[in-house]
Amino acid sequence: MTGCARRKTVFALGHLYESQFAALNNVGWNIDVDGVNKIWLENPPKIPGTVLPGERDSILLKLQGLGLATAVERRDTQVGPNERVFALLPKGADFVRYAKGTS
């Protein structure tokens, strides 16, 4: 993985953490699909330097493969038809806190 790809992956994980941690932590990490879709709609990841439509999905799927995030069911009434929605997993939150030195 190149340095640029690594930065994009770290940025994406950081965005999931900043936008979803409080909501997921408040419900004991029981992923509320509607809640995650609402958060995604209000604050979708904007990863600097991603130009191709599938690039963001590729980055987030990489996080899923590492067990740091997971894809959740998309709600047609909340996000667009071509959107993939991802939720932060506890392991992803732990990784972000560790990287920030706040674990």
PDB file of N, CA and C in Angstrom:
ATOM      1  N   MET A   1       0.852  -1.162   0.000  1.00  0.00           N
ATOM      2  CA  MET A   1       0.000   0.000   0.000  1.00  0.00           C
ATOM      3  C   MET A   1       0.903   1.231   0.000  1.00  0.00           C
ATOM      4  N   THR A   2       0.602   2.163  -0.862  1.00  0.00           N
ATOM      5  CA  THR A   2       1.409   3.375  -0.944  1.00  0.00           C
ATOM      6  C   THR A   2       1.090   4.301   0.224  1.00  0.00           C
ATOM      7  N   GLY A   3       1.951   5.276   0.435  1.00  0.00           N
ATOM      8  CA  GLY A   3       1.730   6.234   1.518  1.00  0.00           C
ATOM      9  C   GLY A   3       0.424   6.982   1.358  1.00  0.00           C
ATOM     10  N   CYS A   4       0.089   7.333   0.120  1.00  0.00           N
ATOM     11  CA  CYS A   4      -1.158   8.058  -0.147  1.00  0.00           C
ATOM     12  C   CYS A   4      -2.367   7.187   0.193  1.00  0.00           C
ATOM     13  N   ALA A   5      -2.318   5.915  -0.217  1.00  0.00           N
ATOM     14  CA  ALA A   5      -3.421   4.997   0.082  1.00  0.00           C
ATOM     15  C   ALA A   5      -3.558   4.789   1.581  1.00  0.00           C
ATOM     16  N   ARG A   6      -2.429   4.694   2.270  1.00  0.00           N
ATOM     17  CA  ARG A   6      -2.453   4.532   3.727  1.00  0.00           C
ATOM     18  C   ARG A   6      -3.106   5.750   4.391  1.00  0.00           C
ATOM     19  N   ARG A   7      -2.735   6.936   3.940  1.00  0.00           N
ATOM     20  CA  ARG A   7      -3.317   8.166   4.515  1.00  0.00           C
ATOM     21  C   ARG A   7      -4.827   8.205   4.309  1.00  0.00           C
ATOM     22  N   LYS A   8      -5.277   7.814   3.116  1.00  0.00           N
ATOM     23  CA  LYS A   8      -6.716   7.811   2.828  1.00  0.00           C
ATOM     24  C   LYS A   8      -7.444   6.815   3.725  1.00  0.00           C
ATOM     25  N   THR A   9      -6.836   5.655   3.942  1.00  0.00           N
ATOM     26  CA  THR A   9      -7.446   4.629   4.791  1.00  0.00           C
ATOM     27  C   THR A   9      -7.538   5.113   6.233  1.00  0.00           C
ATOM     28  N   VAL A  10      -6.477   5.725   6.721  1.00  0.00           N
ATOM     29  CA  VAL A  10      -6.462   6.263   8.083  1.00  0.00           C
ATOM     30  C   VAL A  10      -7.483   7.392   8.212  1.00  0.00           C
ATOM     31  N   PHE A  11      -7.558   8.248   7.202  1.00  0.00           N
ATOM     32  CA  PHE A  11      -8.528   9.345   7.233  1.00  0.00           C
ATOM     33  C   PHE A  11      -9.959   8.796   7.283  1.00  0.00           C
ATOM     34  N   ALA A  12     -10.234   7.760   6.463  1.00  0.00           N
ATOM     35  CA  ALA A  12     -11.576   7.177   6.434  1.00  0.00           C
ATOM     36  C   ALA A  12     -11.943   6.583   7.788  1.00  0.00           C
ATOM     37  N   LEU A  13     -11.017   5.863   8.415  1.00  0.00           N
ATOM     38  CA  LEU A  13     -11.272   5.284   9.725  1.00  0.00           C
ATOM     39  C   LEU A  13     -11.491   6.390  10.760  1.00  0.00           C
ATOM     40  N   GLY A  14     -10.689   7.421  10.691  1.00  0.00           N
ATOM     41  CA  GLY A  14     -10.855   8.556  11.607  1.00  0.00           C
ATOM     42  C   GLY A  14     -12.213   9.218  11.437  1.00  0.00           C
ATOM     43  N   HIS A  15     -12.667   9.323  10.191  1.00  0.00           N
ATOM     44  CA  HIS A  15     -13.981   9.922   9.943  1.00  0.00           C
ATOM     45  C   HIS A  15     -15.090   9.067  10.547  1.00  0.00           C
ATOM     46  N   LEU A  16     -15.011   7.752  10.348  1.00  0.00           N
ATOM     47  CA  LEU A  16     -16.024   6.868  10.942  1.00  0.00           C
ATOM     48  C   LEU A  16     -16.033   7.027  12.459  1.00  0.00           C
ATOM     49  N   TYR A  17     -14.851   7.117  13.039  1.00  0.00           N
ATOM     50  CA  TYR A  17     -14.743   7.273  14.493  1.00  0.00           C
ATOM     51  C   TYR A  17     -15.395   8.585  14.941  1.00  0.00           C
ATOM     52  N   GLU A  18     -15.027   9.668  14.300  1.00  0.00           N
ATOM     53  CA  GLU A  18     -15.551  10.984  14.705  1.00  0.00           C
ATOM     54  C   GLU A  18     -17.061  11.092  14.506  1.00  0.00           C
ATOM     55  N   SER A  19     -17.576  10.484  13.448  1.00  0.00           N
ATOM     56  CA  SER A  19     -18.998  10.639  13.159  1.00  0.00           C
ATOM     57  C   SER A  19     -19.891   9.604  13.851  1.00  0.00           C
ATOM     58  N   GLN A  20     -19.345   8.437  14.221  1.00  0.00           N
ATOM     59  CA  GLN A  20     -20.207   7.362  14.717  1.00  0.00           C
ATOM     60  C   GLN A  20     -19.909   6.878  16.128  1.00  0.00           C
ATOM     61  N   PHE A  21     -18.735   7.166  16.659  1.00  0.00           N
ATOM     62  CA  PHE A  21     -18.349   6.578  17.945  1.00  0.00           C
ATOM     63  C   PHE A  21     -19.370   6.832  19.047  1.00  0.00           C
ATOM     64  N   ALA A  22     -19.750   8.071  19.247  1.00  0.00           N
ATOM     65  CA  ALA A  22     -20.664   8.401  20.349  1.00  0.00           C
ATOM     66  C   ALA A  22     -21.980   7.634  20.230  1.00  0.00           C
ATOM     67  N   ALA A  23     -22.557   7.623  19.035  1.00  0.00           N
ATOM     68  CA  ALA A  23     -23.843   6.952  18.839  1.00  0.00           C
ATOM     69  C   ALA A  23     -23.729   5.449  19.075  1.00  0.00           C
ATOM     70  N   LEU A  24     -22.679   4.833  18.545  1.00  0.00           N
ATOM     71  CA  LEU A  24     -22.526   3.382  18.702  1.00  0.00           C
ATOM     72  C   LEU A  24     -22.150   3.002  20.133  1.00  0.00           C
ATOM     73  N   ASN A  25     -21.343   3.803  20.753  1.00  0.00           N
ATOM     74  CA  ASN A  25     -20.946   3.528  22.136  1.00  0.00           C
ATOM     75  C   ASN A  25     -22.149   3.641  23.083  1.00  0.00           C
ATOM     76  N   ASN A  26     -23.052   4.573  22.790  1.00  0.00           N
ATOM     77  CA  ASN A  26     -24.242   4.770  23.632  1.00  0.00           C
ATOM     78  C   ASN A  26     -25.213   3.595  23.581  1.00  0.00           C
ATOM     79  N   VAL A  27     -25.167   2.806  22.500  1.00  0.00           N
ATOM     80  CA  VAL A  27     -26.079   1.665  22.384  1.00  0.00           C
ATOM     81  C   VAL A  27     -25.343   0.345  22.586  1.00  0.00           C
ATOM     82  N   GLY A  28     -24.194   0.401  23.220  1.00  0.00           N
ATOM     83  CA  GLY A  28     -23.446  -0.814  23.526  1.00  0.00           C
ATOM     84  C   GLY A  28     -22.922  -1.539  22.298  1.00  0.00           C
ATOM     85  N   TRP A  29     -22.667  -0.791  21.245  1.00  0.00           N
ATOM     86  CA  TRP A  29     -22.123  -1.322  19.991  1.00  0.00           C
ATOM     87  C   TRP A  29     -23.074  -2.274  19.282  1.00  0.00           C
ATOM     88  N   ASN A  30     -24.359  -2.212  19.634  1.00  0.00           N
ATOM     89  CA  ASN A  30     -25.388  -2.923  18.864  1.00  0.00           C
ATOM     90  C   ASN A  30     -25.741  -2.009  17.699  1.00  0.00           C
ATOM     91  N   ILE A  31     -25.307  -2.383  16.513  1.00  0.00           N
ATOM     92  CA  ILE A  31     -25.438  -1.483  15.365  1.00  0.00           C
ATOM     93  C   ILE A  31     -26.899  -1.293  15.007  1.00  0.00           C
ATOM     94  N   ASP A  32     -27.346  -0.052  15.092  1.00  0.00           N
ATOM     95  CA  ASP A  32     -28.686   0.345  14.696  1.00  0.00           C
ATOM     96  C   ASP A  32     -28.589   0.780  13.234  1.00  0.00           C
ATOM     97  N   VAL A  33     -29.097  -0.050  12.336  1.00  0.00           N
ATOM     98  CA  VAL A  33     -28.959   0.208  10.906  1.00  0.00           C
ATOM     99  C   VAL A  33     -29.556   1.563  10.529  1.00  0.00           C
ATOM    100  N   ASP A  34     -30.726   1.880  11.069  1.00  0.00           N
ATOM    101  CA  ASP A  34     -31.346   3.168  10.751  1.00  0.00           C
ATOM    102  C   ASP A  34     -30.492   4.326  11.267  1.00  0.00           C
ATOM    103  N   GLY A  35     -29.962   4.173  12.465  1.00  0.00           N
ATOM    104  CA  GLY A  35     -29.124   5.223  13.040  1.00  0.00           C
ATOM    105  C   GLY A  35     -27.856   5.444  12.242  1.00  0.00           C
ATOM    106  N   VAL A  36     -27.211   4.357  11.822  1.00  0.00           N
ATOM    107  CA  VAL A  36     -25.985   4.473  11.032  1.00  0.00           C
ATOM    108  C   VAL A  36     -26.298   5.100   9.672  1.00  0.00           C
ATOM    109  N   ASN A  37     -27.421   4.706   9.063  1.00  0.00           N
ATOM    110  CA  ASN A  37     -27.808   5.309   7.788  1.00  0.00           C
ATOM    111  C   ASN A  37     -28.052   6.809   7.934  1.00  0.00           C
ATOM    112  N   LYS A  38     -28.664   7.196   9.038  1.00  0.00           N
ATOM    113  CA  LYS A  38     -28.917   8.624   9.272  1.00  0.00           C
ATOM    114  C   LYS A  38     -27.601   9.380   9.430  1.00  0.00           C
ATOM    115  N   ILE A  39     -26.678   8.830  10.210  1.00  0.00           N
ATOM    116  CA  ILE A  39     -25.370   9.466  10.384  1.00  0.00           C
ATOM    117  C   ILE A  39     -24.668   9.559   9.031  1.00  0.00           C
ATOM    118  N   TRP A  40     -24.724   8.484   8.247  1.00  0.00           N
ATOM    119  CA  TRP A  40     -24.067   8.443   6.936  1.00  0.00           C
ATOM    120  C   TRP A  40     -24.645   9.526   6.025  1.00  0.00           C
ATOM    121  N   LEU A  41     -25.968   9.676   6.049  1.00  0.00           N
ATOM    122  CA  LEU A  41     -26.621  10.677   5.213  1.00  0.00           C
ATOM    123  C   LEU A  41     -26.192  12.085   5.617  1.00  0.00           C
ATOM    124  N   GLU A  42     -26.145  12.342   6.919  1.00  0.00           N
ATOM    125  CA  GLU A  42     -25.798  13.669   7.422  1.00  0.00           C
ATOM    126  C   GLU A  42     -24.317  13.983   7.288  1.00  0.00           C
ATOM    127  N   ASN A  43     -23.470  12.952   7.328  1.00  0.00           N
ATOM    128  CA  ASN A  43     -22.031  13.190   7.353  1.00  0.00           C
ATOM    129  C   ASN A  43     -21.271  12.059   6.637  1.00  0.00           C
ATOM    130  N   PRO A  44     -21.453  11.958   5.307  1.00  0.00           N
ATOM    131  CA  PRO A  44     -20.748  10.892   4.591  1.00  0.00           C
ATOM    132  C   PRO A  44     -19.244  11.158   4.571  1.00  0.00           C
ATOM    133  N   PRO A  45     -18.444  10.104   4.536  1.00  0.00           N
ATOM    134  CA  PRO A  45     -16.995  10.318   4.497  1.00  0.00           C
ATOM    135  C   PRO A  45     -16.566  11.082   3.246  1.00  0.00           C
ATOM    136  N   LYS A  46     -15.822  12.128   3.462  1.00  0.00           N
ATOM    137  CA  LYS A  46     -15.227  12.881   2.364  1.00  0.00           C
ATOM    138  C   LYS A  46     -13.724  12.685   2.507  1.00  0.00           C
ATOM    139  N   ILE A  47     -13.188  11.786   1.712  1.00  0.00           N
ATOM    140  CA  ILE A  47     -11.784  11.416   1.816  1.00  0.00           C
ATOM    141  C   ILE A  47     -10.999  12.238   0.802  1.00  0.00           C
ATOM    142  N   PRO A  48     -10.103  13.102   1.258  1.00  0.00           N
ATOM    143  CA  PRO A  48      -9.346  13.943   0.334  1.00  0.00           C
ATOM    144  C   PRO A  48      -8.594  13.107  -0.704  1.00  0.00           C
ATOM    145  N   GLY A  49      -8.693  13.533  -1.945  1.00  0.00           N
ATOM    146  CA  GLY A  49      -7.958  12.866  -3.008  1.00  0.00           C
ATOM    147  C   GLY A  49      -8.683  11.698  -3.649  1.00  0.00           C
ATOM    148  N   THR A  50      -9.900  11.390  -3.196  1.00  0.00           N
ATOM    149  CA  THR A  50     -10.653  10.303  -3.838  1.00  0.00           C
ATOM    150  C   THR A  50     -11.505  10.922  -4.937  1.00  0.00           C
ATOM    151  N   VAL A  51     -11.222  10.525  -6.149  1.00  0.00           N
ATOM    152  CA  VAL A  51     -11.942  11.101  -7.274  1.00  0.00           C
ATOM    153  C   VAL A  51     -12.892  10.114  -7.930  1.00  0.00           C
ATOM    154  N   LEU A  52     -12.511   8.875  -7.954  1.00  0.00           N
ATOM    155  CA  LEU A  52     -13.348   7.871  -8.606  1.00  0.00           C
ATOM    156  C   LEU A  52     -14.461   7.413  -7.666  1.00  0.00           C
ATOM    157  N   PRO A  53     -15.660   7.199  -8.225  1.00  0.00           N
ATOM    158  CA  PRO A  53     -16.800   6.812  -7.373  1.00  0.00           C
ATOM    159  C   PRO A  53     -16.542   5.574  -6.517  1.00  0.00           C
ATOM    160  N   GLY A  54     -15.872   4.575  -7.031  1.00  0.00           N
ATOM    161  CA  GLY A  54     -15.654   3.350  -6.275  1.00  0.00           C
ATOM    162  C   GLY A  54     -14.464   3.401  -5.339  1.00  0.00           C
ATOM    163  N   GLU A  55     -13.694   4.475  -5.386  1.00  0.00           N
ATOM    164  CA  GLU A  55     -12.482   4.542  -4.561  1.00  0.00           C
ATOM    165  C   GLU A  55     -12.815   4.578  -3.067  1.00  0.00           C
ATOM    166  N   ARG A  56     -13.821   5.357  -2.692  1.00  0.00           N
ATOM    167  CA  ARG A  56     -14.217   5.410  -1.282  1.00  0.00           C
ATOM    168  C   ARG A  56     -14.688   4.037  -0.812  1.00  0.00           C
ATOM    169  N   ASP A  57     -15.500   3.369  -1.635  1.00  0.00           N
ATOM    170  CA  ASP A  57     -15.963   2.025  -1.280  1.00  0.00           C
ATOM    171  C   ASP A  57     -14.789   1.072  -1.113  1.00  0.00           C
ATOM    172  N   SER A  58     -13.815   1.169  -1.990  1.00  0.00           N
ATOM    173  CA  SER A  58     -12.643   0.302  -1.909  1.00  0.00           C
ATOM    174  C   SER A  58     -11.896   0.504  -0.597  1.00  0.00           C
ATOM    175  N   ILE A  59     -11.736   1.745  -0.209  1.00  0.00           N
ATOM    176  CA  ILE A  59     -11.051   2.065   1.050  1.00  0.00           C
ATOM    177  C   ILE A  59     -11.836   1.507   2.232  1.00  0.00           C
ATOM    178  N   LEU A  60     -13.144   1.707   2.224  1.00  0.00           N
ATOM    179  CA  LEU A  60     -13.965   1.243   3.336  1.00  0.00           C
ATOM    180  C   LEU A  60     -14.068  -0.282   3.363  1.00  0.00           C
ATOM    181  N   LEU A  61     -14.072  -0.913   2.199  1.00  0.00           N
ATOM    182  CA  LEU A  61     -14.062  -2.379   2.158  1.00  0.00           C
ATOM    183  C   LEU A  61     -12.751  -2.930   2.705  1.00  0.00           C
ATOM    184  N   LYS A  62     -11.666  -2.194   2.488  1.00  0.00           N
ATOM    185  CA  LYS A  62     -10.374  -2.592   3.058  1.00  0.00           C
ATOM    186  C   LYS A  62     -10.462  -2.558   4.584  1.00  0.00           C
ATOM    187  N   LEU A  63     -11.106  -1.526   5.139  1.00  0.00           N
ATOM    188  CA  LEU A  63     -11.292  -1.445   6.590  1.00  0.00           C
ATOM    189  C   LEU A  63     -12.156  -2.600   7.085  1.00  0.00           C
ATOM    190  N   GLN A  64     -13.148  -2.971   6.288  1.00  0.00           N
ATOM    191  CA  GLN A  64     -13.998  -4.105   6.655  1.00  0.00           C
ATOM    192  C   GLN A  64     -13.170  -5.385   6.682  1.00  0.00           C
ATOM    193  N   GLY A  65     -12.304  -5.556   5.698  1.00  0.00           N
ATOM    194  CA  GLY A  65     -11.453  -6.739   5.648  1.00  0.00           C
ATOM    195  C   GLY A  65     -10.512  -6.840   6.838  1.00  0.00           C
ATOM    196  N   LEU A  66     -10.167  -5.694   7.409  1.00  0.00           N
ATOM    197  CA  LEU A  66      -9.298  -5.670   8.586  1.00  0.00           C
ATOM    198  C   LEU A  66     -10.084  -5.790   9.892  1.00  0.00           C
ATOM    199  N   GLY A  67     -11.421  -5.854   9.794  1.00  0.00           N
ATOM    200  CA  GLY A  67     -12.262  -5.975  10.976  1.00  0.00           C
ATOM    201  C   GLY A  67     -12.434  -4.677  11.736  1.00  0.00           C
ATOM    202  N   LEU A  68     -12.197  -3.540  11.068  1.00  0.00           N
ATOM    203  CA  LEU A  68     -12.292  -2.230  11.727  1.00  0.00           C
ATOM    204  C   LEU A  68     -13.620  -1.538  11.450  1.00  0.00           C
ATOM    205  N   ALA A  69     -14.311  -1.974  10.413  1.00  0.00           N
ATOM    206  CA  ALA A  69     -15.607  -1.407  10.025  1.00  0.00           C
ATOM    207  C   ALA A  69     -16.418  -2.528   9.395  1.00  0.00           C
ATOM    208  N   THR A  70     -17.710  -2.289   9.221  1.00  0.00           N
ATOM    209  CA  THR A  70     -18.559  -3.280   8.580  1.00  0.00           C
ATOM    210  C   THR A  70     -19.592  -2.583   7.703  1.00  0.00           C
ATOM    211  N   ALA A  71     -19.933  -3.216   6.600  1.00  0.00           N
ATOM    212  CA  ALA A  71     -21.002  -2.696   5.751  1.00  0.00           C
ATOM    213  C   ALA A  71     -22.332  -2.992   6.436  1.00  0.00           C
ATOM    214  N   VAL A  72     -23.252  -2.051   6.368  1.00  0.00           N
ATOM    215  CA  VAL A  72     -24.589  -2.263   6.924  1.00  0.00           C
ATOM    216  C   VAL A  72     -25.611  -2.085   5.810  1.00  0.00           C
ATOM    217  N   GLU A  73     -26.789  -2.598   6.058  1.00  0.00           N
ATOM    218  CA  GLU A  73     -27.854  -2.500   5.066  1.00  0.00           C
ATOM    219  C   GLU A  73     -28.172  -1.039   4.781  1.00  0.00           C
ATOM    220  N   ARG A  74     -28.278  -0.741   3.505  1.00  0.00           N
ATOM    221  CA  ARG A  74     -28.613   0.624   3.084  1.00  0.00           C
ATOM    222  C   ARG A  74     -30.129   0.794   3.120  1.00  0.00           C
ATOM    223  N   ARG A  75     -30.564   1.886   3.702  1.00  0.00           N
ATOM    224  CA  ARG A  75     -31.993   2.203   3.729  1.00  0.00           C
ATOM    225  C   ARG A  75     -32.297   3.124   2.551  1.00  0.00           C
ATOM    226  N   ASP A  76     -33.138   2.635   1.637  1.00  0.00           N
ATOM    227  CA  ASP A  76     -33.471   3.395   0.430  1.00  0.00           C
ATOM    228  C   ASP A  76     -34.033   4.770   0.742  1.00  0.00           C
ATOM    229  N   THR A  77     -34.719   4.884   1.862  1.00  0.00           N
ATOM    230  CA  THR A  77     -35.346   6.158   2.207  1.00  0.00           C
ATOM    231  C   THR A  77     -34.356   7.149   2.788  1.00  0.00           C
ATOM    232  N   GLN A  78     -33.128   6.705   3.102  1.00  0.00           N
ATOM    233  CA  GLN A  78     -32.177   7.581   3.758  1.00  0.00           C
ATOM    234  C   GLN A  78     -30.946   7.907   2.920  1.00  0.00           C
ATOM    235  N   VAL A  79     -30.475   6.975   2.124  1.00  0.00           N
ATOM    236  CA  VAL A  79     -29.285   7.238   1.304  1.00  0.00           C
ATOM    237  C   VAL A  79     -29.563   6.842  -0.137  1.00  0.00           C
ATOM    238  N   GLY A  80     -28.721   7.327  -1.032  1.00  0.00           N
ATOM    239  CA  GLY A  80     -28.906   7.098  -2.455  1.00  0.00           C
ATOM    240  C   GLY A  80     -28.786   5.635  -2.854  1.00  0.00           C
ATOM    241  N   PRO A  81     -29.277   5.307  -4.043  1.00  0.00           N
ATOM    242  CA  PRO A  81     -29.315   3.915  -4.492  1.00  0.00           C
ATOM    243  C   PRO A  81     -27.937   3.300  -4.742  1.00  0.00           C
ATOM    244  N   ASN A  82     -26.926   4.104  -4.962  1.00  0.00           N
ATOM    245  CA  ASN A  82     -25.597   3.566  -5.238  1.00  0.00           C
ATOM    246  C   ASN A  82     -24.655   3.700  -4.043  1.00  0.00           C
ATOM    247  N   GLU A  83     -25.183   4.070  -2.910  1.00  0.00           N
ATOM    248  CA  GLU A  83     -24.359   4.252  -1.712  1.00  0.00           C
ATOM    249  C   GLU A  83     -24.151   2.935  -0.989  1.00  0.00           C
ATOM    250  N   ARG A  84     -22.957   2.743  -0.478  1.00  0.00           N
ATOM    251  CA  ARG A  84     -22.686   1.666   0.476  1.00  0.00           C
ATOM    252  C   ARG A  84     -22.475   2.345   1.812  1.00  0.00           C
ATOM    253  N   VAL A  85     -23.087   1.793   2.840  1.00  0.00           N
ATOM    254  CA  VAL A  85     -23.029   2.396   4.171  1.00  0.00           C
ATOM    255  C   VAL A  85     -22.180   1.495   5.066  1.00  0.00           C
ATOM    256  N   PHE A  86     -21.283   2.119   5.827  1.00  0.00           N
ATOM    257  CA  PHE A  86     -20.385   1.379   6.706  1.00  0.00           C
ATOM    258  C   PHE A  86     -20.499   1.896   8.124  1.00  0.00           C
ATOM    259  N   ALA A  87     -20.302   0.993   9.073  1.00  0.00           N
ATOM    260  CA  ALA A  87     -20.318   1.350  10.488  1.00  0.00           C
ATOM    261  C   ALA A  87     -18.966   1.004  11.110  1.00  0.00           C
ATOM    262  N   LEU A  88     -18.567   1.813  12.044  1.00  0.00           N
ATOM    263  CA  LEU A  88     -17.358   1.577  12.821  1.00  0.00           C
ATOM    264  C   LEU A  88     -17.570   0.373  13.730  1.00  0.00           C
ATOM    265  N   LEU A  89     -16.564  -0.469  13.857  1.00  0.00           N
ATOM    266  CA  LEU A  89     -16.616  -1.587  14.798  1.00  0.00           C
ATOM    267  C   LEU A  89     -15.760  -1.253  16.023  1.00  0.00           C
ATOM    268  N   PRO A  90     -16.004  -1.924  17.150  1.00  0.00           N
ATOM    269  CA  PRO A  90     -15.219  -1.639  18.359  1.00  0.00           C
ATOM    270  C   PRO A  90     -13.707  -1.731  18.124  1.00  0.00           C
ATOM    271  N   LYS A  91     -13.278  -2.709  17.344  1.00  0.00           N
ATOM    272  CA  LYS A  91     -11.852  -2.846  17.049  1.00  0.00           C
ATOM    273  C   LYS A  91     -11.325  -1.602  16.324  1.00  0.00           C
ATOM    274  N   GLY A  92     -12.133  -1.018  15.447  1.00  0.00           N
ATOM    275  CA  GLY A  92     -11.753   0.205  14.747  1.00  0.00           C
ATOM    276  C   GLY A  92     -11.630   1.371  15.706  1.00  0.00           C
ATOM    277  N   ALA A  93     -12.564   1.456  16.654  1.00  0.00           N
ATOM    278  CA  ALA A  93     -12.508   2.527  17.660  1.00  0.00           C
ATOM    279  C   ALA A  93     -11.269   2.360  18.538  1.00  0.00           C
ATOM    280  N   ASP A  94     -10.987   1.123  18.927  1.00  0.00           N
ATOM    281  CA  ASP A  94      -9.786   0.865  19.732  1.00  0.00           C
ATOM    282  C   ASP A  94      -8.532   1.279  18.981  1.00  0.00           C
ATOM    283  N   PHE A  95      -8.486   0.967  17.695  1.00  0.00           N
ATOM    284  CA  PHE A  95      -7.317   1.311  16.884  1.00  0.00           C
ATOM    285  C   PHE A  95      -7.130   2.827  16.814  1.00  0.00           C
ATOM    286  N   VAL A  96      -8.216   3.559  16.601  1.00  0.00           N
ATOM    287  CA  VAL A  96      -8.122   5.028  16.526  1.00  0.00           C
ATOM    288  C   VAL A  96      -7.651   5.591  17.858  1.00  0.00           C
ATOM    289  N   ARG A  97      -8.227   5.116  18.959  1.00  0.00           N
ATOM    290  CA  ARG A  97      -7.811   5.619  20.278  1.00  0.00           C
ATOM    291  C   ARG A  97      -6.356   5.281  20.551  1.00  0.00           C
ATOM    292  N   TYR A  98      -5.912   4.095  20.165  1.00  0.00           N
ATOM    293  CA  TYR A  98      -4.519   3.701  20.334  1.00  0.00           C
ATOM    294  C   TYR A  98      -3.606   4.615  19.522  1.00  0.00           C
ATOM    295  N   ALA A  99      -3.991   4.866  18.270  1.00  0.00           N
ATOM    296  CA  ALA A  99      -3.170   5.708  17.398  1.00  0.00           C
ATOM    297  C   ALA A  99      -3.090   7.138  17.932  1.00  0.00           C
ATOM    298  N   LYS A 100      -4.166   7.594  18.542  1.00  0.00           N
ATOM    299  CA  LYS A 100      -4.177   8.947  19.123  1.00  0.00           C
ATOM    300  C   LYS A 100      -3.504   8.986  20.485  1.00  0.00           C
ATOM    301  N   GLY A 101      -3.240   7.815  21.041  1.00  0.00           N
ATOM    302  CA  GLY A 101      -2.628   7.742  22.366  1.00  0.00           C
ATOM    303  C   GLY A 101      -3.626   8.000  23.486  1.00  0.00           C
ATOM    304  N   THR A 102      -4.916   7.726  23.209  1.00  0.00           N
ATOM    305  CA  THR A 102      -5.946   7.977  24.222  1.00  0.00           C
ATOM    306  C   THR A 102      -6.675   6.710  24.618  1.00  0.00           C
ATOM    307  N   SER A 103      -6.052   5.561  24.475  1.00  0.00           N
ATOM    308  CA  SER A 103      -6.743   4.307  24.818  1.00  0.00           C
ATOM    309  C   SER A 103      -6.760   4.178  26.299  1.00  0.00           C
TER     310      SER A 103
END
